[in-house]
Each structure stands twice: as C-alpha cells, then as structure tokens.
Amino acid sequence: MSLTVMVIMGGLEVGMVYAIRPSGNSGAILFFGILSAVMISTALIPQFYEIWKYKEVKGISKLFVTIDCMGGLFSAISLVFSTNKLDVLACISYSLVFVSSPSSHHVRKVVDYS
C-alpha cells in the first residue's frame, strides 16, 4: 500500500511540474509554496497538543528531534548565504521546523544563558 501511495504521489508531483512550469504560472507555484508551509505547521498541531496536555515531551526521540531542528536551522541559514534572491516561503518553512521543535527550546535556553 505504501508503494502504491508513493507512486501515485510521485506521479502527481511530476504531472504538476510539467503542467505548471511551461505555463509560467507564478500564482500556482506560489500556491504550492504556501500550501507546503501551512501543511508543515498544521502537521505539528497534534505534537503541540500532546506537549500541552501532558506538560512534557513524551514519545519523541530526542536525537531525531534534535537532528530535525538542526536541519531546519541550517537550511534557513543556507538561504541567507545563497547567491540568489532570498526565498521567503522556504525560509518560513525551515524556520517553522526549527521554532516548533521541542529541542529548539533547549537550544534557545543554552543560547540565552551563554
């Protein structure tokens, strides 16, 4: 079932690239950029609810969350140093990953105290 979903989603992505890119429709490209940022932030709502409900972080690998947090941070930093114009939507998406990560709260505490 997973393979079927991956093939369908991959086909959808390829179809969208070939449908949108030649037309030069920047509105559609902007829509998908905003949609991805909204989906990333929406996907984190259950995690935040659990943290709020139990007043602690439960059932989350701290190593994975730390790696994910650092990935978001370094990806956002890489956008700043890129030679092209700053991609604001990508920066927002990467920043949402960093800011919403439970381990980012620990990183910010260390930074605040140093």
N, C-alpha and C. Protein backbone atom coordinates (compact mmCIF):
# COMPACT_ATOMS: atom_id res chain seq x y z
N MET A 1 0.83 -1.19 0.00
CA MET A 1 0.00 0.00 0.00
C MET A 1 0.88 1.26 0.00
N SER A 2 1.95 1.21 0.79
CA SER A 2 2.84 2.37 0.84
C SER A 2 3.47 2.65 -0.51
N LEU A 3 3.89 1.59 -1.19
CA LEU A 3 4.49 1.76 -2.52
C LEU A 3 3.48 2.36 -3.50
N THR A 4 2.24 1.94 -3.42
CA THR A 4 1.20 2.48 -4.29
C THR A 4 1.00 3.97 -4.04
N VAL A 5 0.95 4.36 -2.78
CA VAL A 5 0.78 5.78 -2.44
C VAL A 5 1.99 6.58 -2.92
N MET A 6 3.20 6.04 -2.74
CA MET A 6 4.41 6.75 -3.18
C MET A 6 4.41 6.94 -4.70
N VAL A 7 4.01 5.91 -5.44
CA VAL A 7 3.96 6.01 -6.90
C VAL A 7 2.93 7.04 -7.34
N ILE A 8 1.76 7.02 -6.72
CA ILE A 8 0.70 7.99 -7.07
C ILE A 8 1.16 9.41 -6.76
N MET A 9 1.72 9.63 -5.57
CA MET A 9 2.16 10.97 -5.19
C MET A 9 3.32 11.44 -6.06
N GLY A 10 4.25 10.53 -6.39
CA GLY A 10 5.34 10.88 -7.29
C GLY A 10 4.83 11.26 -8.66
N GLY A 11 3.87 10.50 -9.17
CA GLY A 11 3.26 10.82 -10.46
C GLY A 11 2.55 12.16 -10.43
N LEU A 12 1.85 12.45 -9.33
CA LEU A 12 1.16 13.73 -9.17
C LEU A 12 2.17 14.88 -9.19
N GLU A 13 3.28 14.69 -8.49
CA GLU A 13 4.30 15.73 -8.45
C GLU A 13 4.91 15.98 -9.83
N VAL A 14 5.27 14.90 -10.52
CA VAL A 14 5.82 15.05 -11.87
C VAL A 14 4.80 15.71 -12.79
N GLY A 15 3.54 15.30 -12.69
CA GLY A 15 2.50 15.90 -13.51
C GLY A 15 2.35 17.39 -13.25
N MET A 16 2.40 17.79 -11.98
CA MET A 16 2.28 19.21 -11.64
C MET A 16 3.46 20.01 -12.16
N VAL A 17 4.66 19.44 -12.08
CA VAL A 17 5.85 20.15 -12.59
C VAL A 17 5.70 20.40 -14.08
N TYR A 18 5.32 19.36 -14.83
CA TYR A 18 5.20 19.53 -16.27
C TYR A 18 3.97 20.35 -16.66
N ALA A 19 2.98 20.44 -15.81
CA ALA A 19 1.79 21.25 -16.11
C ALA A 19 2.02 22.72 -15.79
N ILE A 20 2.73 23.01 -14.73
CA ILE A 20 2.88 24.39 -14.27
C ILE A 20 4.10 25.08 -14.87
N ARG A 21 5.22 24.40 -14.92
CA ARG A 21 6.47 25.04 -15.36
C ARG A 21 6.38 25.65 -16.76
N PRO A 22 5.89 24.95 -17.77
CA PRO A 22 5.85 25.56 -19.11
C PRO A 22 4.91 26.76 -19.20
N SER A 23 3.86 26.76 -18.40
CA SER A 23 2.90 27.87 -18.48
C SER A 23 3.44 29.12 -17.81
N GLY A 24 4.42 28.97 -16.93
CA GLY A 24 4.97 30.13 -16.23
C GLY A 24 4.00 30.74 -15.25
N ASN A 25 3.03 29.98 -14.79
CA ASN A 25 2.01 30.46 -13.87
C ASN A 25 2.62 30.61 -12.47
N SER A 26 3.06 31.81 -12.14
CA SER A 26 3.71 32.02 -10.85
C SER A 26 2.71 31.93 -9.69
N GLY A 27 1.44 32.15 -9.95
CA GLY A 27 0.43 32.02 -8.91
C GLY A 27 0.31 30.59 -8.41
N ALA A 28 0.37 29.63 -9.32
CA ALA A 28 0.30 28.22 -8.93
C ALA A 28 1.53 27.81 -8.15
N ILE A 29 2.69 28.30 -8.56
CA ILE A 29 3.93 28.00 -7.84
C ILE A 29 3.87 28.59 -6.44
N LEU A 30 3.39 29.81 -6.33
CA LEU A 30 3.24 30.45 -5.02
C LEU A 30 2.24 29.69 -4.15
N PHE A 31 1.16 29.22 -4.76
CA PHE A 31 0.16 28.44 -4.03
C PHE A 31 0.79 27.19 -3.40
N PHE A 32 1.57 26.45 -4.18
CA PHE A 32 2.18 25.23 -3.64
C PHE A 32 3.23 25.55 -2.57
N GLY A 33 3.91 26.68 -2.71
CA GLY A 33 4.86 27.09 -1.67
C GLY A 33 4.15 27.41 -0.36
N ILE A 34 3.06 28.13 -0.45
CA ILE A 34 2.28 28.46 0.75
C ILE A 34 1.63 27.22 1.33
N LEU A 35 1.11 26.36 0.46
CA LEU A 35 0.48 25.12 0.91
C LEU A 35 1.46 24.25 1.70
N SER A 36 2.69 24.17 1.25
CA SER A 36 3.67 23.35 1.97
C SER A 36 3.96 23.94 3.36
N ALA A 37 4.07 25.26 3.47
CA ALA A 37 4.31 25.88 4.78
C ALA A 37 3.12 25.65 5.72
N VAL A 38 1.91 25.75 5.19
CA VAL A 38 0.71 25.52 6.01
C VAL A 38 0.64 24.05 6.45
N MET A 39 0.95 23.13 5.54
CA MET A 39 0.89 21.71 5.89
C MET A 39 1.94 21.34 6.94
N ILE A 40 3.14 21.92 6.83
CA ILE A 40 4.18 21.65 7.84
C ILE A 40 3.72 22.13 9.21
N SER A 41 3.20 23.35 9.28
CA SER A 41 2.78 23.88 10.58
C SER A 41 1.54 23.16 11.11
N THR A 42 0.63 22.75 10.23
CA THR A 42 -0.57 22.02 10.66
C THR A 42 -0.22 20.63 11.17
N ALA A 43 0.77 20.01 10.56
CA ALA A 43 1.16 18.66 10.98
C ALA A 43 1.75 18.65 12.38
N LEU A 44 2.18 19.79 12.87
CA LEU A 44 2.79 19.86 14.21
C LEU A 44 1.75 20.09 15.31
N ILE A 45 0.51 20.37 14.95
CA ILE A 45 -0.53 20.65 15.95
C ILE A 45 -0.73 19.47 16.92
N PRO A 46 -0.84 18.22 16.45
CA PRO A 46 -1.02 17.12 17.41
C PRO A 46 0.15 17.00 18.40
N GLN A 47 1.36 17.26 17.92
CA GLN A 47 2.54 17.21 18.79
C GLN A 47 2.43 18.28 19.87
N PHE A 48 2.05 19.51 19.47
CA PHE A 48 1.91 20.58 20.45
C PHE A 48 0.79 20.28 21.44
N TYR A 49 -0.30 19.69 20.97
CA TYR A 49 -1.40 19.34 21.86
C TYR A 49 -0.94 18.34 22.91
N GLU A 50 -0.20 17.33 22.50
CA GLU A 50 0.30 16.33 23.46
C GLU A 50 1.23 16.97 24.49
N ILE A 51 2.10 17.85 24.03
CA ILE A 51 3.03 18.53 24.94
C ILE A 51 2.24 19.39 25.92
N TRP A 52 1.22 20.10 25.44
CA TRP A 52 0.41 20.93 26.32
C TRP A 52 -0.40 20.08 27.29
N LYS A 53 -0.95 18.98 26.81
CA LYS A 53 -1.80 18.13 27.63
C LYS A 53 -1.03 17.48 28.78
N TYR A 54 0.15 16.95 28.46
CA TYR A 54 0.93 16.23 29.48
C TYR A 54 1.97 17.12 30.16
N LYS A 55 2.14 18.33 29.67
CA LYS A 55 3.11 19.28 30.21
C LYS A 55 4.53 18.71 30.16
N GLU A 56 4.78 17.82 29.19
CA GLU A 56 6.11 17.28 28.96
C GLU A 56 6.16 16.69 27.55
N VAL A 57 7.37 16.47 27.08
CA VAL A 57 7.56 15.87 25.77
C VAL A 57 7.65 14.37 25.97
N LYS A 58 6.67 13.65 25.41
CA LYS A 58 6.62 12.19 25.58
C LYS A 58 6.64 11.51 24.21
N GLY A 59 7.33 10.37 24.15
CA GLY A 59 7.28 9.53 22.96
C GLY A 59 7.96 10.09 21.73
N ILE A 60 8.85 11.04 21.91
CA ILE A 60 9.56 11.62 20.77
C ILE A 60 11.05 11.37 20.99
N SER A 61 11.71 10.83 19.99
CA SER A 61 13.14 10.61 20.07
C SER A 61 13.85 11.96 20.10
N LYS A 62 14.57 12.21 21.17
CA LYS A 62 15.27 13.49 21.30
C LYS A 62 16.36 13.62 20.26
N LEU A 63 16.99 12.51 19.89
CA LEU A 63 18.02 12.56 18.84
C LEU A 63 17.39 12.96 17.51
N PHE A 64 16.27 12.34 17.15
CA PHE A 64 15.61 12.67 15.89
C PHE A 64 15.15 14.12 15.88
N VAL A 65 14.56 14.57 16.97
CA VAL A 65 14.04 15.93 17.03
C VAL A 65 15.20 16.93 16.95
N THR A 66 16.31 16.61 17.59
CA THR A 66 17.47 17.49 17.53
C THR A 66 18.02 17.58 16.11
N ILE A 67 18.13 16.44 15.44
CA ILE A 67 18.61 16.43 14.06
C ILE A 67 17.64 17.19 13.16
N ASP A 68 16.35 17.01 13.35
CA ASP A 68 15.34 17.72 12.57
C ASP A 68 15.44 19.22 12.81
N CYS A 69 15.60 19.60 14.06
CA CYS A 69 15.72 21.01 14.44
C CYS A 69 16.95 21.64 13.79
N MET A 70 18.06 20.95 13.86
CA MET A 70 19.29 21.48 13.27
C MET A 70 19.18 21.54 11.74
N GLY A 71 18.47 20.58 11.15
CA GLY A 71 18.24 20.62 9.71
C GLY A 71 17.47 21.86 9.30
N GLY A 72 16.42 22.19 10.06
CA GLY A 72 15.66 23.40 9.78
C GLY A 72 16.50 24.66 9.96
N LEU A 73 17.30 24.68 11.01
CA LEU A 73 18.15 25.85 11.28
C LEU A 73 19.19 26.05 10.19
N PHE A 74 19.93 24.99 9.85
CA PHE A 74 20.98 25.13 8.85
C PHE A 74 20.42 25.35 7.45
N SER A 75 19.24 24.81 7.16
CA SER A 75 18.61 25.08 5.87
C SER A 75 18.22 26.54 5.76
N ALA A 76 17.69 27.12 6.83
CA ALA A 76 17.34 28.54 6.82
C ALA A 76 18.58 29.41 6.69
N ILE A 77 19.65 29.03 7.38
CA ILE A 77 20.91 29.79 7.29
C ILE A 77 21.46 29.70 5.87
N SER A 78 21.34 28.53 5.23
CA SER A 78 21.87 28.38 3.87
C SER A 78 21.15 29.30 2.89
N LEU A 79 19.87 29.58 3.14
CA LEU A 79 19.14 30.51 2.27
C LEU A 79 19.69 31.93 2.37
N VAL A 80 20.15 32.29 3.55
CA VAL A 80 20.70 33.63 3.74
C VAL A 80 21.99 33.79 2.94
N PHE A 81 22.81 32.72 2.89
CA PHE A 81 24.09 32.80 2.21
C PHE A 81 24.04 32.39 0.74
N SER A 82 22.87 32.07 0.22
CA SER A 82 22.78 31.70 -1.20
C SER A 82 22.97 32.94 -2.06
N THR A 83 23.40 32.71 -3.28
CA THR A 83 23.68 33.84 -4.17
C THR A 83 22.41 34.38 -4.83
N ASN A 84 21.35 33.59 -4.80
CA ASN A 84 20.09 34.03 -5.40
C ASN A 84 19.31 34.91 -4.43
N LYS A 85 18.18 35.41 -4.92
CA LYS A 85 17.28 36.20 -4.07
C LYS A 85 16.74 35.31 -2.94
N LEU A 86 16.55 35.88 -1.76
CA LEU A 86 16.07 35.12 -0.60
C LEU A 86 14.67 34.58 -0.87
N ASP A 87 14.50 33.28 -0.72
CA ASP A 87 13.19 32.64 -0.89
C ASP A 87 12.46 32.69 0.45
N VAL A 88 11.55 33.62 0.58
CA VAL A 88 10.87 33.88 1.85
C VAL A 88 10.03 32.68 2.28
N LEU A 89 9.32 32.04 1.35
CA LEU A 89 8.49 30.89 1.71
C LEU A 89 9.32 29.73 2.24
N ALA A 90 10.45 29.47 1.60
CA ALA A 90 11.33 28.40 2.09
C ALA A 90 11.89 28.76 3.46
N CYS A 91 12.24 30.00 3.65
CA CYS A 91 12.76 30.45 4.94
C CYS A 91 11.70 30.28 6.04
N ILE A 92 10.46 30.58 5.72
CA ILE A 92 9.37 30.40 6.69
C ILE A 92 9.19 28.93 7.02
N SER A 93 9.20 28.07 6.00
CA SER A 93 9.04 26.63 6.23
C SER A 93 10.14 26.08 7.10
N TYR A 94 11.39 26.44 6.80
CA TYR A 94 12.52 25.95 7.58
C TYR A 94 12.47 26.51 9.00
N SER A 95 12.07 27.76 9.13
CA SER A 95 12.00 28.36 10.46
C SER A 95 10.90 27.72 11.30
N LEU A 96 9.78 27.34 10.66
CA LEU A 96 8.71 26.66 11.40
C LEU A 96 9.20 25.34 11.97
N VAL A 97 10.02 24.63 11.20
CA VAL A 97 10.57 23.36 11.69
C VAL A 97 11.45 23.63 12.91
N PHE A 98 12.29 24.66 12.84
CA PHE A 98 13.19 24.95 13.95
C PHE A 98 12.44 25.46 15.18
N VAL A 99 11.57 26.42 14.99
CA VAL A 99 10.88 27.06 16.11
C VAL A 99 9.92 26.09 16.80
N SER A 100 9.28 25.23 16.03
CA SER A 100 8.28 24.34 16.61
C SER A 100 8.87 23.08 17.22
N SER A 101 10.12 22.83 17.00
CA SER A 101 10.75 21.62 17.52
C SER A 101 10.94 21.73 19.03
N PRO A 102 10.58 20.69 19.79
CA PRO A 102 10.79 20.73 21.23
C PRO A 102 12.25 20.93 21.60
N SER A 103 13.17 20.40 20.80
CA SER A 103 14.58 20.56 21.14
C SER A 103 15.06 21.98 20.90
N SER A 104 14.35 22.75 20.06
CA SER A 104 14.76 24.13 19.83
C SER A 104 14.60 24.95 21.10
N HIS A 105 13.66 24.55 21.96
CA HIS A 105 13.50 25.26 23.23
C HIS A 105 14.74 25.05 24.10
N HIS A 106 15.32 23.85 24.05
CA HIS A 106 16.55 23.60 24.78
C HIS A 106 17.72 24.38 24.18
N VAL A 107 17.77 24.44 22.85
CA VAL A 107 18.83 25.19 22.17
C VAL A 107 18.73 26.66 22.54
N ARG A 108 17.51 27.20 22.53
CA ARG A 108 17.34 28.61 22.86
C ARG A 108 17.71 28.90 24.31
N LYS A 109 17.44 27.96 25.22
CA LYS A 109 17.84 28.16 26.62
C LYS A 109 19.35 28.22 26.74
N VAL A 110 20.05 27.35 26.03
CA VAL A 110 21.52 27.34 26.08
C VAL A 110 22.05 28.64 25.51
N VAL A 111 21.48 29.11 24.40
CA VAL A 111 21.92 30.35 23.78
C VAL A 111 21.65 31.53 24.70
N ASP A 112 20.50 31.54 25.39
CA ASP A 112 20.16 32.64 26.28
C ASP A 112 21.12 32.74 27.46
N TYR A 113 21.61 31.60 27.94
CA TYR A 113 22.47 31.61 29.11
C TYR A 113 23.93 31.85 28.77
N SER A 114 24.31 31.72 27.51
CA SER A 114 25.73 31.91 27.19
C SER A 114 26.02 33.32 26.75
